[in-house]
Amino acid sequence: MAGSLLAETLSYPDAPLNISGWFHIIWNGEPRYTLVDDDGEWIELLIDEQVLRNTGGPRFLDRKRVRVSGFPLETRPEVIQVITINPEDKRGE
């Protein structure tokens, strides 16, 4: 999934967005990754498989609180191309 969508034009602000929330996998054919932020908003995430492997893989992150850093797609600003994703500790740091 992520590889086919990486070709979309990205909109690069001066600095990446940093967002915390709950990571979820939606299984419908290929997995789709989403983040539910503290306001209850669902954000679609495009994540390179290597980025996921660096943090233990998608199943390790599923339903855990994470912090993502990334850039919105120019054509779909509600979708974030993730450059880093890390689990947050229990204090949210």
Protein backbone atom coordinates (compact mmCIF):
# COMPACT_ATOMS: atom_id res chain seq x y z
CA MET A 1 0.00 0.00 0.00
CA ALA A 2 2.53 2.58 1.09
CA GLY A 3 4.77 2.04 -1.92
CA SER A 4 2.01 2.77 -4.43
CA LEU A 5 0.98 5.96 -2.67
CA LEU A 6 4.48 7.34 -2.18
CA ALA A 7 4.39 8.67 -5.72
CA GLU A 8 1.72 11.22 -4.79
CA THR A 9 2.94 14.78 -4.51
CA LEU A 10 3.88 15.72 -0.97
CA SER A 11 3.31 19.14 0.54
CA TYR A 12 6.36 19.99 2.62
CA PRO A 13 5.86 22.64 5.26
CA ASP A 14 9.00 24.15 6.83
CA ALA A 15 9.02 21.45 9.50
CA PRO A 16 7.32 18.07 9.83
CA LEU A 17 4.07 17.76 11.74
CA ASN A 18 4.35 16.00 15.09
CA ILE A 19 1.15 14.29 16.21
CA SER A 20 0.40 11.94 19.09
CA GLY A 21 -2.47 9.50 19.26
CA TRP A 22 -3.54 5.88 19.05
CA PHE A 23 -2.22 3.76 16.17
CA HIS A 24 -4.69 1.40 14.49
CA ILE A 25 -4.53 -1.07 11.62
CA ILE A 26 -7.61 -1.44 9.43
CA TRP A 27 -7.62 -4.81 7.68
CA ASN A 28 -9.43 -4.68 4.34
CA GLY A 29 -7.23 -6.41 1.81
CA GLU A 30 -3.95 -4.60 2.39
CA PRO A 31 -3.57 -3.04 5.85
CA ARG A 32 -4.34 0.66 6.24
CA TYR A 33 -2.71 2.56 9.07
CA THR A 34 -4.51 5.29 10.98
CA LEU A 35 -3.93 7.51 13.98
CA VAL A 36 -6.71 8.70 16.25
CA ASP A 37 -5.52 11.97 17.80
CA ASP A 38 -6.49 13.44 21.16
CA ASP A 39 -9.47 15.24 19.58
CA GLY A 40 -10.85 11.97 18.20
CA GLU A 41 -9.86 12.80 14.61
CA TRP A 42 -8.85 9.89 12.36
CA ILE A 43 -5.74 10.54 10.29
CA GLU A 44 -4.63 8.18 7.53
CA LEU A 45 -0.92 7.34 7.69
CA LEU A 46 1.34 6.29 4.82
CA ILE A 47 4.32 4.51 6.33
CA ASP A 48 7.26 2.90 4.60
CA GLU A 49 7.72 -0.72 5.66
CA GLN A 50 11.28 -0.03 6.83
CA VAL A 51 10.03 2.73 9.16
CA LEU A 52 7.55 0.24 10.63
CA ARG A 53 10.21 -2.47 11.01
CA ASN A 54 12.48 -0.03 12.86
CA THR A 55 9.87 0.27 15.62
CA GLY A 56 8.90 -3.39 15.91
CA GLY A 57 6.38 -3.64 13.09
CA PRO A 58 2.73 -2.66 12.71
CA ARG A 59 1.32 -5.38 14.97
CA PHE A 60 3.63 -4.26 17.78
CA LEU A 61 2.29 -0.69 17.43
CA ASP A 62 -1.37 -1.63 16.91
CA ARG A 63 -3.64 0.01 19.51
CA LYS A 64 -0.71 1.69 21.23
CA ARG A 65 -0.15 5.36 21.82
CA VAL A 66 2.47 6.69 19.40
CA ARG A 67 4.02 9.92 18.22
CA VAL A 68 4.39 10.37 14.47
CA SER A 69 6.37 12.91 12.53
CA GLY A 70 5.61 13.50 8.88
CA PHE A 71 4.31 15.64 6.06
CA PRO A 72 0.78 15.98 4.62
CA LEU A 73 0.18 14.98 1.03
CA GLU A 74 -0.43 17.99 -1.18
CA THR A 75 -3.33 16.30 -2.96
CA ARG A 76 -4.82 14.85 0.25
CA PRO A 77 -3.73 16.97 3.26
CA GLU A 78 -5.68 14.72 5.63
CA VAL A 79 -3.13 11.97 4.86
CA ILE A 80 0.31 12.06 6.49
CA GLN A 81 3.45 10.56 4.94
CA VAL A 82 5.21 9.36 8.09
CA ILE A 83 8.97 9.77 8.44
CA THR A 84 9.19 8.53 12.05
CA ILE A 85 6.83 6.71 14.40
CA ASN A 86 7.63 5.87 18.00
CA PRO A 87 5.63 4.43 20.89
CA GLU A 88 5.05 6.91 23.69
CA ASP A 89 5.83 5.89 27.22
CA LYS A 90 3.12 5.78 29.86
CA ARG A 91 3.55 9.48 30.65
CA GLY A 92 3.02 10.45 26.99
CA GLU A 93 6.59 11.66 26.51
